N, C-alpha and C. Protein backbone atom coordinates (compact mmCIF):
# COMPACT_ATOMS: atom_id res chain seq x y z
N UNK A 1 83.09 112.26 139.71
CA UNK A 1 82.36 112.13 138.46
C UNK A 1 83.33 112.21 137.29
N UNK A 2 83.01 111.47 136.24
CA UNK A 2 83.81 111.59 135.02
C UNK A 2 83.41 112.88 134.30
N UNK A 3 84.23 113.28 133.34
CA UNK A 3 83.92 114.48 132.56
C UNK A 3 82.61 114.29 131.79
N UNK A 4 82.37 113.09 131.27
CA UNK A 4 81.13 112.79 130.55
C UNK A 4 79.93 112.92 131.49
N UNK A 5 80.06 112.42 132.72
CA UNK A 5 78.97 112.54 133.70
C UNK A 5 78.70 114.00 134.06
N UNK A 6 79.77 114.81 134.15
CA UNK A 6 79.59 116.23 134.41
C UNK A 6 78.83 116.91 133.28
N UNK A 7 79.15 116.54 132.04
CA UNK A 7 78.45 117.10 130.88
C UNK A 7 76.97 116.77 130.98
N UNK A 8 76.67 115.50 131.20
CA UNK A 8 75.27 115.06 131.25
C UNK A 8 74.50 115.70 132.39
N UNK A 9 75.19 116.04 133.47
CA UNK A 9 74.55 116.68 134.62
C UNK A 9 74.46 118.19 134.46
N UNK A 10 75.02 118.73 133.36
CA UNK A 10 74.99 120.17 133.14
C UNK A 10 76.02 120.92 133.96
N UNK A 11 77.03 120.20 134.43
CA UNK A 11 78.06 120.82 135.28
C UNK A 11 79.22 121.38 134.49
N UNK A 12 80.14 121.98 135.22
CA UNK A 12 81.37 122.51 134.62
C UNK A 12 82.34 121.35 134.45
N UNK A 13 82.94 121.27 133.27
CA UNK A 13 83.82 120.15 132.96
C UNK A 13 85.02 120.62 132.14
N UNK A 14 85.95 119.72 131.94
CA UNK A 14 87.17 119.99 131.18
C UNK A 14 87.03 119.41 129.78
N UNK A 15 86.83 120.25 128.74
CA UNK A 15 86.67 119.72 127.39
C UNK A 15 87.96 119.16 126.80
N UNK A 16 89.09 119.37 127.48
CA UNK A 16 90.35 118.80 126.98
C UNK A 16 90.63 117.42 127.55
N UNK A 17 89.69 116.87 128.31
CA UNK A 17 89.83 115.51 128.83
C UNK A 17 90.21 114.58 127.67
N UNK A 18 91.23 113.74 127.83
CA UNK A 18 91.71 112.91 126.71
C UNK A 18 90.63 112.04 126.07
N UNK A 19 89.75 111.47 126.87
CA UNK A 19 88.68 110.63 126.31
C UNK A 19 87.73 111.46 125.45
N UNK A 20 87.33 112.62 125.95
CA UNK A 20 86.45 113.50 125.17
C UNK A 20 87.16 114.00 123.91
N UNK A 21 88.41 114.40 124.05
CA UNK A 21 89.16 114.93 122.91
C UNK A 21 89.32 113.89 121.81
N UNK A 22 89.56 112.64 122.19
CA UNK A 22 89.72 111.57 121.20
C UNK A 22 88.40 111.35 120.45
N UNK A 23 87.29 111.34 121.18
CA UNK A 23 85.98 111.15 120.54
C UNK A 23 85.66 112.32 119.62
N UNK A 24 85.93 113.52 120.08
CA UNK A 24 85.65 114.71 119.28
C UNK A 24 86.51 114.72 118.01
N UNK A 25 87.74 114.26 118.09
CA UNK A 25 88.62 114.20 116.92
C UNK A 25 88.04 113.29 115.84
N UNK A 26 87.42 112.19 116.24
CA UNK A 26 86.79 111.28 115.26
C UNK A 26 85.65 111.98 114.53
N UNK A 27 84.84 112.74 115.26
CA UNK A 27 83.75 113.48 114.62
C UNK A 27 84.30 114.58 113.71
N UNK A 28 85.40 115.19 114.09
CA UNK A 28 86.02 116.20 113.23
C UNK A 28 86.48 115.61 111.91
N UNK A 29 87.02 114.40 111.94
CA UNK A 29 87.44 113.73 110.71
C UNK A 29 86.25 113.45 109.80
N UNK A 30 85.15 112.98 110.39
CA UNK A 30 83.94 112.71 109.60
C UNK A 30 83.41 114.00 108.98
N UNK A 31 83.43 115.08 109.75
CA UNK A 31 82.93 116.36 109.25
C UNK A 31 83.81 116.88 108.12
N UNK A 32 85.10 116.71 108.24
CA UNK A 32 86.01 117.11 107.16
C UNK A 32 85.66 116.37 105.88
N UNK A 33 85.42 115.07 105.99
CA UNK A 33 85.05 114.27 104.82
C UNK A 33 83.72 114.75 104.23
N UNK A 34 82.75 115.05 105.09
CA UNK A 34 81.46 115.56 104.61
C UNK A 34 81.65 116.84 103.81
N UNK A 35 82.43 117.77 104.35
CA UNK A 35 82.64 119.05 103.67
C UNK A 35 83.42 118.91 102.37
N UNK A 36 84.06 117.77 102.17
CA UNK A 36 84.83 117.51 100.95
C UNK A 36 84.04 116.76 99.88
N UNK A 37 82.81 116.38 100.20
CA UNK A 37 82.00 115.63 99.24
C UNK A 37 81.67 116.48 98.01
N UNK A 38 81.61 115.86 96.83
CA UNK A 38 81.18 116.61 95.65
C UNK A 38 79.70 116.99 95.78
N UNK A 39 79.31 118.12 95.22
CA UNK A 39 77.93 118.60 95.38
C UNK A 39 76.86 117.59 94.96
N UNK A 40 77.15 116.78 93.97
CA UNK A 40 76.13 115.87 93.46
C UNK A 40 75.98 114.58 94.27
N UNK A 41 76.84 114.35 95.26
CA UNK A 41 76.79 113.10 96.01
C UNK A 41 75.80 113.18 97.17
N UNK A 42 74.53 113.30 96.83
CA UNK A 42 73.49 113.40 97.85
C UNK A 42 73.38 112.15 98.72
N UNK A 43 73.53 110.93 98.16
CA UNK A 43 73.46 109.76 99.05
C UNK A 43 74.50 109.79 100.17
N UNK A 44 75.71 110.24 99.87
CA UNK A 44 76.75 110.31 100.92
C UNK A 44 76.41 111.38 101.95
N UNK A 45 75.85 112.49 101.51
CA UNK A 45 75.44 113.55 102.44
C UNK A 45 74.36 113.01 103.38
N UNK A 46 73.37 112.33 102.81
CA UNK A 46 72.28 111.80 103.62
C UNK A 46 72.77 110.73 104.59
N UNK A 47 73.76 109.94 104.18
CA UNK A 47 74.35 108.95 105.09
C UNK A 47 75.02 109.66 106.26
N UNK A 48 75.73 110.75 105.96
CA UNK A 48 76.38 111.51 107.04
C UNK A 48 75.35 111.96 108.07
N UNK A 49 74.25 112.56 107.60
CA UNK A 49 73.22 113.03 108.52
C UNK A 49 72.69 111.88 109.38
N UNK A 50 72.32 110.79 108.73
CA UNK A 50 71.70 109.68 109.48
C UNK A 50 72.70 108.96 110.38
N UNK A 51 73.96 108.88 109.97
CA UNK A 51 74.97 108.19 110.78
C UNK A 51 75.52 109.04 111.92
N UNK A 52 75.49 110.37 111.76
CA UNK A 52 76.18 111.25 112.70
C UNK A 52 75.24 112.01 113.62
N UNK A 53 74.17 112.58 113.08
CA UNK A 53 73.28 113.41 113.87
C UNK A 53 72.54 112.58 114.92
N UNK A 54 72.16 113.23 116.01
CA UNK A 54 71.38 112.55 117.05
C UNK A 54 70.05 112.08 116.48
N UNK A 55 69.44 112.89 115.62
CA UNK A 55 68.23 112.51 114.89
C UNK A 55 68.08 113.44 113.69
N UNK A 56 67.45 112.90 112.64
CA UNK A 56 67.28 113.69 111.42
C UNK A 56 66.00 113.26 110.71
N UNK A 57 65.23 114.26 110.25
CA UNK A 57 64.01 113.98 109.50
C UNK A 57 64.29 113.96 108.01
N UNK A 58 63.29 113.62 107.24
CA UNK A 58 63.41 113.58 105.79
C UNK A 58 63.63 114.98 105.23
N UNK A 59 64.40 115.06 104.17
CA UNK A 59 64.56 116.33 103.47
C UNK A 59 65.55 117.27 104.12
N UNK A 60 66.48 116.76 104.89
CA UNK A 60 67.52 117.60 105.50
C UNK A 60 68.55 117.96 104.43
N UNK A 61 68.95 119.23 104.40
CA UNK A 61 70.02 119.63 103.49
C UNK A 61 70.83 120.74 104.15
N UNK A 62 72.14 120.53 104.21
CA UNK A 62 73.06 121.54 104.72
C UNK A 62 74.06 121.85 103.62
N UNK A 63 74.14 123.10 103.26
CA UNK A 63 75.08 123.56 102.23
C UNK A 63 76.47 123.66 102.86
N UNK A 64 77.44 122.91 102.36
CA UNK A 64 78.79 123.02 102.92
C UNK A 64 79.40 124.39 102.64
N UNK A 65 80.36 124.83 103.44
CA UNK A 65 80.87 124.09 104.59
C UNK A 65 79.95 124.20 105.80
N UNK A 66 79.94 123.12 106.54
CA UNK A 66 79.20 122.99 107.79
C UNK A 66 80.24 122.86 108.89
N UNK A 67 80.04 123.56 110.00
CA UNK A 67 80.98 123.53 111.11
C UNK A 67 80.24 123.07 112.37
N UNK A 68 80.84 122.15 113.11
CA UNK A 68 80.22 121.68 114.35
C UNK A 68 81.30 121.10 115.25
N UNK A 69 81.26 121.46 116.52
CA UNK A 69 82.25 120.96 117.47
C UNK A 69 82.27 119.44 117.52
N UNK A 70 81.08 118.83 117.41
CA UNK A 70 80.96 117.38 117.48
C UNK A 70 80.39 116.82 116.18
N UNK A 71 80.57 117.53 115.08
CA UNK A 71 80.15 117.04 113.77
C UNK A 71 78.65 116.92 113.60
N UNK A 72 77.88 117.39 114.57
CA UNK A 72 76.42 117.23 114.54
C UNK A 72 75.93 116.11 115.43
N UNK A 73 76.83 115.50 116.19
CA UNK A 73 76.47 114.39 117.08
C UNK A 73 75.30 114.73 118.01
N UNK A 74 75.23 115.97 118.45
CA UNK A 74 74.18 116.40 119.38
C UNK A 74 73.12 117.27 118.70
N UNK A 75 73.02 117.12 117.38
CA UNK A 75 72.07 117.90 116.58
C UNK A 75 70.85 117.05 116.25
N UNK A 76 69.68 117.56 116.58
CA UNK A 76 68.40 116.91 116.30
C UNK A 76 67.67 117.81 115.31
N UNK A 77 67.47 117.36 114.08
CA UNK A 77 66.79 118.19 113.10
C UNK A 77 65.54 117.49 112.59
N UNK A 78 64.51 118.29 112.36
CA UNK A 78 63.24 117.76 111.88
C UNK A 78 63.21 117.62 110.37
N UNK A 79 62.01 117.46 109.85
CA UNK A 79 61.78 117.29 108.42
C UNK A 79 61.99 118.61 107.69
N UNK A 80 62.48 118.50 106.45
CA UNK A 80 62.63 119.64 105.56
C UNK A 80 63.45 120.77 106.19
N UNK A 81 64.55 120.39 106.80
CA UNK A 81 65.49 121.35 107.40
C UNK A 81 66.46 121.80 106.33
N UNK A 82 66.70 123.10 106.23
CA UNK A 82 67.68 123.65 105.29
C UNK A 82 68.59 124.63 106.01
N UNK A 83 69.89 124.44 105.84
CA UNK A 83 70.87 125.40 106.36
C UNK A 83 71.79 125.81 105.22
N UNK A 84 71.95 127.09 105.03
CA UNK A 84 72.84 127.61 104.00
C UNK A 84 74.29 127.47 104.46
N UNK A 85 75.24 127.90 103.62
CA UNK A 85 76.65 127.68 103.89
C UNK A 85 77.12 128.38 105.16
N UNK A 86 78.16 127.79 105.75
CA UNK A 86 78.78 128.28 106.99
C UNK A 86 77.86 128.22 108.20
N UNK A 87 76.96 127.23 108.22
CA UNK A 87 76.17 126.99 109.43
C UNK A 87 77.11 126.42 110.48
N UNK A 88 77.14 127.05 111.65
CA UNK A 88 77.98 126.59 112.74
C UNK A 88 77.11 126.14 113.91
N UNK A 89 77.25 124.87 114.26
CA UNK A 89 76.53 124.30 115.39
C UNK A 89 77.55 123.97 116.47
N UNK A 90 77.61 124.79 117.50
CA UNK A 90 78.48 124.51 118.63
C UNK A 90 77.71 123.51 119.48
N UNK A 91 77.79 122.25 119.04
CA UNK A 91 76.91 121.20 119.57
C UNK A 91 77.53 120.41 120.71
N UNK A 92 78.06 121.12 121.69
CA UNK A 92 78.57 120.46 122.89
C UNK A 92 77.41 119.91 123.72
N UNK A 93 76.24 120.52 123.58
CA UNK A 93 74.99 120.01 124.17
C UNK A 93 73.99 119.86 123.03
N UNK A 94 72.81 119.35 123.34
CA UNK A 94 71.81 119.13 122.31
C UNK A 94 71.30 120.43 121.71
N UNK A 95 71.13 120.40 120.40
CA UNK A 95 70.46 121.45 119.65
C UNK A 95 69.26 120.78 119.00
N UNK A 96 68.06 121.22 119.36
CA UNK A 96 66.83 120.66 118.83
C UNK A 96 66.25 121.65 117.82
N UNK A 97 66.09 121.20 116.59
CA UNK A 97 65.57 122.05 115.51
C UNK A 97 64.35 121.35 114.92
N UNK A 98 63.23 122.06 114.85
CA UNK A 98 61.98 121.47 114.40
C UNK A 98 61.89 121.27 112.90
N UNK A 99 60.67 121.00 112.45
CA UNK A 99 60.37 120.80 111.03
C UNK A 99 60.30 122.14 110.30
N UNK A 100 60.63 122.10 109.01
CA UNK A 100 60.48 123.26 108.12
C UNK A 100 61.24 124.49 108.61
N UNK A 101 62.45 124.26 109.09
CA UNK A 101 63.29 125.36 109.58
C UNK A 101 64.27 125.75 108.49
N UNK A 102 64.41 127.05 108.28
CA UNK A 102 65.35 127.61 107.31
C UNK A 102 66.41 128.41 108.06
N UNK A 103 67.67 128.15 107.74
CA UNK A 103 68.78 128.86 108.37
C UNK A 103 69.59 129.52 107.28
N UNK A 104 69.77 130.83 107.38
CA UNK A 104 70.53 131.59 106.41
C UNK A 104 72.02 131.34 106.53
N UNK A 105 72.81 131.92 105.60
CA UNK A 105 74.26 131.74 105.66
C UNK A 105 74.87 132.36 106.91
N UNK A 106 75.96 131.76 107.36
CA UNK A 106 76.77 132.30 108.46
C UNK A 106 76.03 132.39 109.80
N UNK A 107 75.10 131.49 110.04
CA UNK A 107 74.38 131.44 111.31
C UNK A 107 75.14 130.55 112.29
N UNK A 108 75.18 130.98 113.55
CA UNK A 108 75.78 130.19 114.62
C UNK A 108 74.73 129.89 115.69
N UNK A 109 74.66 128.60 116.07
CA UNK A 109 73.85 128.19 117.21
C UNK A 109 74.83 127.59 118.21
N UNK A 110 74.96 128.22 119.38
CA UNK A 110 75.97 127.81 120.35
C UNK A 110 75.32 127.24 121.61
N UNK A 111 75.92 126.18 122.14
CA UNK A 111 75.47 125.61 123.42
C UNK A 111 76.53 125.71 124.51
N UNK A 112 77.78 125.96 124.14
CA UNK A 112 78.88 125.99 125.10
C UNK A 112 78.97 127.34 125.80
N UNK A 113 79.21 127.29 127.11
CA UNK A 113 79.35 128.49 127.95
C UNK A 113 80.67 128.38 128.71
N UNK A 114 81.22 129.52 129.03
CA UNK A 114 82.43 129.56 129.86
C UNK A 114 82.11 130.34 131.13
N UNK A 115 82.67 129.93 132.25
CA UNK A 115 82.37 130.58 133.53
C UNK A 115 82.73 132.06 133.52
N UNK A 116 81.95 132.84 134.25
CA UNK A 116 82.25 134.26 134.45
C UNK A 116 83.48 134.40 135.33
N UNK A 117 83.59 133.55 136.35
CA UNK A 117 84.73 133.55 137.26
C UNK A 117 86.00 133.26 136.45
N UNK A 118 87.01 134.12 136.52
CA UNK A 118 88.20 133.93 135.69
C UNK A 118 89.03 132.69 136.03
N UNK A 119 88.96 132.22 137.27
CA UNK A 119 89.80 131.07 137.64
C UNK A 119 89.42 129.81 136.86
N UNK A 120 88.17 129.35 136.88
CA UNK A 120 87.85 128.17 136.07
C UNK A 120 87.95 128.45 134.56
N UNK A 121 87.68 129.70 134.16
CA UNK A 121 87.81 130.04 132.74
C UNK A 121 89.26 129.94 132.29
N UNK A 122 90.18 130.37 133.15
CA UNK A 122 91.61 130.29 132.85
C UNK A 122 92.04 128.83 132.66
N UNK A 123 91.37 127.93 133.36
CA UNK A 123 91.67 126.50 133.25
C UNK A 123 91.03 125.87 132.01
N UNK A 124 90.24 126.68 131.26
CA UNK A 124 89.61 126.17 130.05
C UNK A 124 88.34 125.38 130.28
N UNK A 125 87.75 125.50 131.48
CA UNK A 125 86.55 124.74 131.79
C UNK A 125 85.33 125.36 131.11
N UNK A 126 84.31 124.55 130.90
CA UNK A 126 83.08 125.04 130.30
C UNK A 126 81.89 124.26 130.81
N UNK A 127 80.71 124.76 130.49
CA UNK A 127 79.45 124.06 130.74
C UNK A 127 78.57 124.31 129.52
N UNK A 128 77.49 123.58 129.40
CA UNK A 128 76.66 123.66 128.20
C UNK A 128 75.20 123.85 128.56
N UNK A 129 74.47 124.49 127.65
CA UNK A 129 73.02 124.64 127.78
C UNK A 129 72.39 124.35 126.42
N UNK A 130 71.39 123.47 126.37
CA UNK A 130 70.76 123.12 125.09
C UNK A 130 70.00 124.29 124.47
N UNK A 131 69.81 124.21 123.16
CA UNK A 131 69.05 125.21 122.41
C UNK A 131 67.87 124.50 121.74
N UNK A 132 66.73 125.18 121.70
CA UNK A 132 65.52 124.64 121.07
C UNK A 132 65.01 125.64 120.02
N UNK A 133 64.84 125.16 118.80
CA UNK A 133 64.28 125.96 117.71
C UNK A 133 62.99 125.26 117.28
N UNK A 134 61.86 125.96 117.35
CA UNK A 134 60.57 125.35 117.02
C UNK A 134 60.36 125.13 115.53
N UNK A 135 59.23 124.54 115.19
CA UNK A 135 58.86 124.31 113.79
C UNK A 135 58.65 125.64 113.06
N UNK A 136 58.91 125.61 111.75
CA UNK A 136 58.61 126.73 110.84
C UNK A 136 59.34 128.01 111.19
N UNK A 137 60.53 127.90 111.72
CA UNK A 137 61.33 129.08 112.08
C UNK A 137 62.27 129.42 110.92
N UNK A 138 62.47 130.71 110.70
CA UNK A 138 63.43 131.21 109.72
C UNK A 138 64.43 132.06 110.48
N UNK A 139 65.70 131.68 110.38
CA UNK A 139 66.78 132.41 111.04
C UNK A 139 67.60 133.08 109.94
N UNK A 140 67.63 134.41 109.93
CA UNK A 140 68.29 135.18 108.88
C UNK A 140 69.81 135.11 108.95
N UNK A 141 70.43 135.48 107.85
CA UNK A 141 71.88 135.43 107.68
C UNK A 141 72.63 136.11 108.82
N UNK A 142 73.67 135.44 109.29
CA UNK A 142 74.56 136.00 110.29
C UNK A 142 74.02 136.08 111.70
N UNK A 143 72.87 135.50 111.96
CA UNK A 143 72.31 135.52 113.31
C UNK A 143 73.10 134.59 114.22
N UNK A 144 73.07 134.90 115.50
CA UNK A 144 73.74 134.09 116.53
C UNK A 144 72.70 133.75 117.60
N UNK A 145 72.55 132.46 117.87
CA UNK A 145 71.64 131.98 118.90
C UNK A 145 72.51 131.50 120.06
N UNK A 146 72.35 132.09 121.23
CA UNK A 146 73.21 131.78 122.38
C UNK A 146 72.70 130.58 123.19
N UNK A 147 73.58 130.02 124.03
CA UNK A 147 73.22 128.83 124.82
C UNK A 147 71.97 129.03 125.66
N UNK A 148 71.17 127.95 125.73
CA UNK A 148 70.00 127.93 126.58
C UNK A 148 68.77 128.60 126.01
N UNK A 149 68.85 129.14 124.80
CA UNK A 149 67.74 129.89 124.21
C UNK A 149 66.74 128.95 123.55
N UNK A 150 65.47 129.35 123.60
CA UNK A 150 64.40 128.70 122.84
C UNK A 150 63.80 129.74 121.91
N UNK A 151 63.65 129.35 120.64
CA UNK A 151 62.96 130.18 119.66
C UNK A 151 61.66 129.47 119.33
N UNK A 152 60.54 130.11 119.63
CA UNK A 152 59.23 129.50 119.45
C UNK A 152 58.86 129.29 118.00
N UNK A 153 57.91 128.38 117.78
CA UNK A 153 57.49 128.02 116.42
C UNK A 153 56.98 129.23 115.64
N UNK A 154 57.15 129.15 114.32
CA UNK A 154 56.67 130.15 113.36
C UNK A 154 57.37 131.50 113.46
N UNK A 155 58.44 131.59 114.23
CA UNK A 155 59.11 132.86 114.42
C UNK A 155 60.14 133.14 113.33
N UNK A 156 60.48 134.41 113.19
CA UNK A 156 61.51 134.87 112.25
C UNK A 156 62.53 135.64 113.07
N UNK A 157 63.80 135.26 112.89
CA UNK A 157 64.91 135.97 113.53
C UNK A 157 65.63 136.75 112.43
N UNK A 158 65.68 138.07 112.57
CA UNK A 158 66.26 138.93 111.55
C UNK A 158 67.75 138.71 111.38
N UNK A 159 68.23 138.99 110.17
CA UNK A 159 69.65 138.86 109.84
C UNK A 159 70.49 139.67 110.82
N UNK A 160 71.60 139.08 111.26
CA UNK A 160 72.54 139.75 112.14
C UNK A 160 72.12 139.84 113.59
N UNK A 161 71.00 139.26 113.95
CA UNK A 161 70.52 139.33 115.33
C UNK A 161 71.36 138.47 116.26
N UNK A 162 71.44 138.89 117.52
CA UNK A 162 72.08 138.10 118.57
C UNK A 162 71.00 137.76 119.58
N UNK A 163 70.61 136.48 119.59
CA UNK A 163 69.48 136.04 120.41
C UNK A 163 70.01 135.60 121.77
N UNK A 164 69.76 136.43 122.79
CA UNK A 164 70.28 136.19 124.13
C UNK A 164 69.22 135.64 125.08
N UNK A 165 67.94 135.76 124.69
CA UNK A 165 66.82 135.32 125.52
C UNK A 165 65.80 134.58 124.66
N UNK A 166 64.91 133.84 125.30
CA UNK A 166 63.87 133.12 124.59
C UNK A 166 63.03 134.08 123.75
N UNK A 167 62.62 133.58 122.57
CA UNK A 167 61.73 134.32 121.68
C UNK A 167 60.41 133.55 121.63
N UNK A 168 59.28 134.21 121.94
CA UNK A 168 58.00 133.50 121.93
C UNK A 168 57.60 133.05 120.52
N UNK A 169 56.71 132.10 120.46
CA UNK A 169 56.16 131.63 119.18
C UNK A 169 55.51 132.81 118.43
N UNK A 170 55.52 132.68 117.10
CA UNK A 170 54.83 133.64 116.23
C UNK A 170 55.35 135.07 116.35
N UNK A 171 56.68 135.19 116.50
CA UNK A 171 57.30 136.50 116.68
C UNK A 171 58.25 136.82 115.54
N UNK A 172 58.35 138.10 115.23
CA UNK A 172 59.42 138.61 114.38
C UNK A 172 60.34 139.34 115.34
N UNK A 173 61.60 138.91 115.39
CA UNK A 173 62.54 139.47 116.36
C UNK A 173 63.84 139.85 115.64
N UNK A 174 64.39 140.99 116.02
CA UNK A 174 65.60 141.50 115.36
C UNK A 174 66.50 142.20 116.38
N UNK A 175 67.75 142.39 115.98
CA UNK A 175 68.65 143.27 116.72
C UNK A 175 69.65 142.58 117.61
N UNK A 176 70.44 143.43 118.27
CA UNK A 176 71.47 142.98 119.21
C UNK A 176 71.39 143.87 120.44
N UNK A 177 70.83 143.34 121.53
CA UNK A 177 70.26 142.01 121.66
C UNK A 177 68.93 141.91 120.91
N UNK A 178 68.62 140.71 120.49
CA UNK A 178 67.41 140.45 119.71
C UNK A 178 66.17 140.72 120.56
N UNK A 179 65.19 141.41 119.96
CA UNK A 179 63.94 141.70 120.67
C UNK A 179 62.78 141.56 119.69
N UNK A 180 61.63 141.23 120.22
CA UNK A 180 60.43 141.07 119.40
C UNK A 180 59.95 142.45 118.96
N UNK A 181 59.70 142.58 117.64
CA UNK A 181 59.19 143.86 117.13
C UNK A 181 57.74 143.76 116.68
N UNK A 182 57.28 142.52 116.44
CA UNK A 182 55.87 142.32 116.09
C UNK A 182 55.56 140.83 116.09
N UNK A 183 54.29 140.52 115.90
CA UNK A 183 53.90 139.11 115.81
C UNK A 183 53.71 138.73 114.35
N UNK A 184 53.78 137.43 114.10
CA UNK A 184 53.51 136.89 112.77
C UNK A 184 52.00 136.70 112.69
N UNK A 185 51.39 137.20 111.62
CA UNK A 185 49.96 136.95 111.40
C UNK A 185 49.73 136.74 109.93
N UNK A 186 48.50 136.45 109.55
CA UNK A 186 48.23 136.10 108.15
C UNK A 186 48.41 137.27 107.20
N UNK A 187 48.56 138.48 107.69
CA UNK A 187 48.75 139.65 106.82
C UNK A 187 50.21 140.00 106.60
N UNK A 188 51.13 139.17 107.10
CA UNK A 188 52.54 139.53 106.94
C UNK A 188 53.24 138.62 105.97
């Protein structure tokens, strides 16, 4: 299997493969240019989203600097998505983000994993797991969402939380590791 086929199959692969590295370098150049755009150049920002992201809804806005392994190539964002500065998308696999999602500053969403076994890890091998963020989610400043996690719709992730497991819909979750402390209801 090629390294690309291993990625698509969810297998362990070599991210330093020359073909993958060359493609990733092109996305890094595009991302550098995006982060260098003047604040008022909204048409260029919107072109970046539509040309680079896997999918993007209306009203997407990311406050630079934006960091992404693949420039957002594997990022799917819904309508009215907002990410504050220093949003990091480790988008080696797909990251699905719903409509009306707010992301605070310094948030990381990671899809890349490294083997527990030291031998393949020493070789620099990795595997990926997609992340799913539902509609109407608010992720507080400095939170980290780990590979393979799903955050259910209408949920709030507290600032500084490390989300290691799925969070059900309509939950307020905080901490390290992140845990549900209550549900979202009309009185909150």
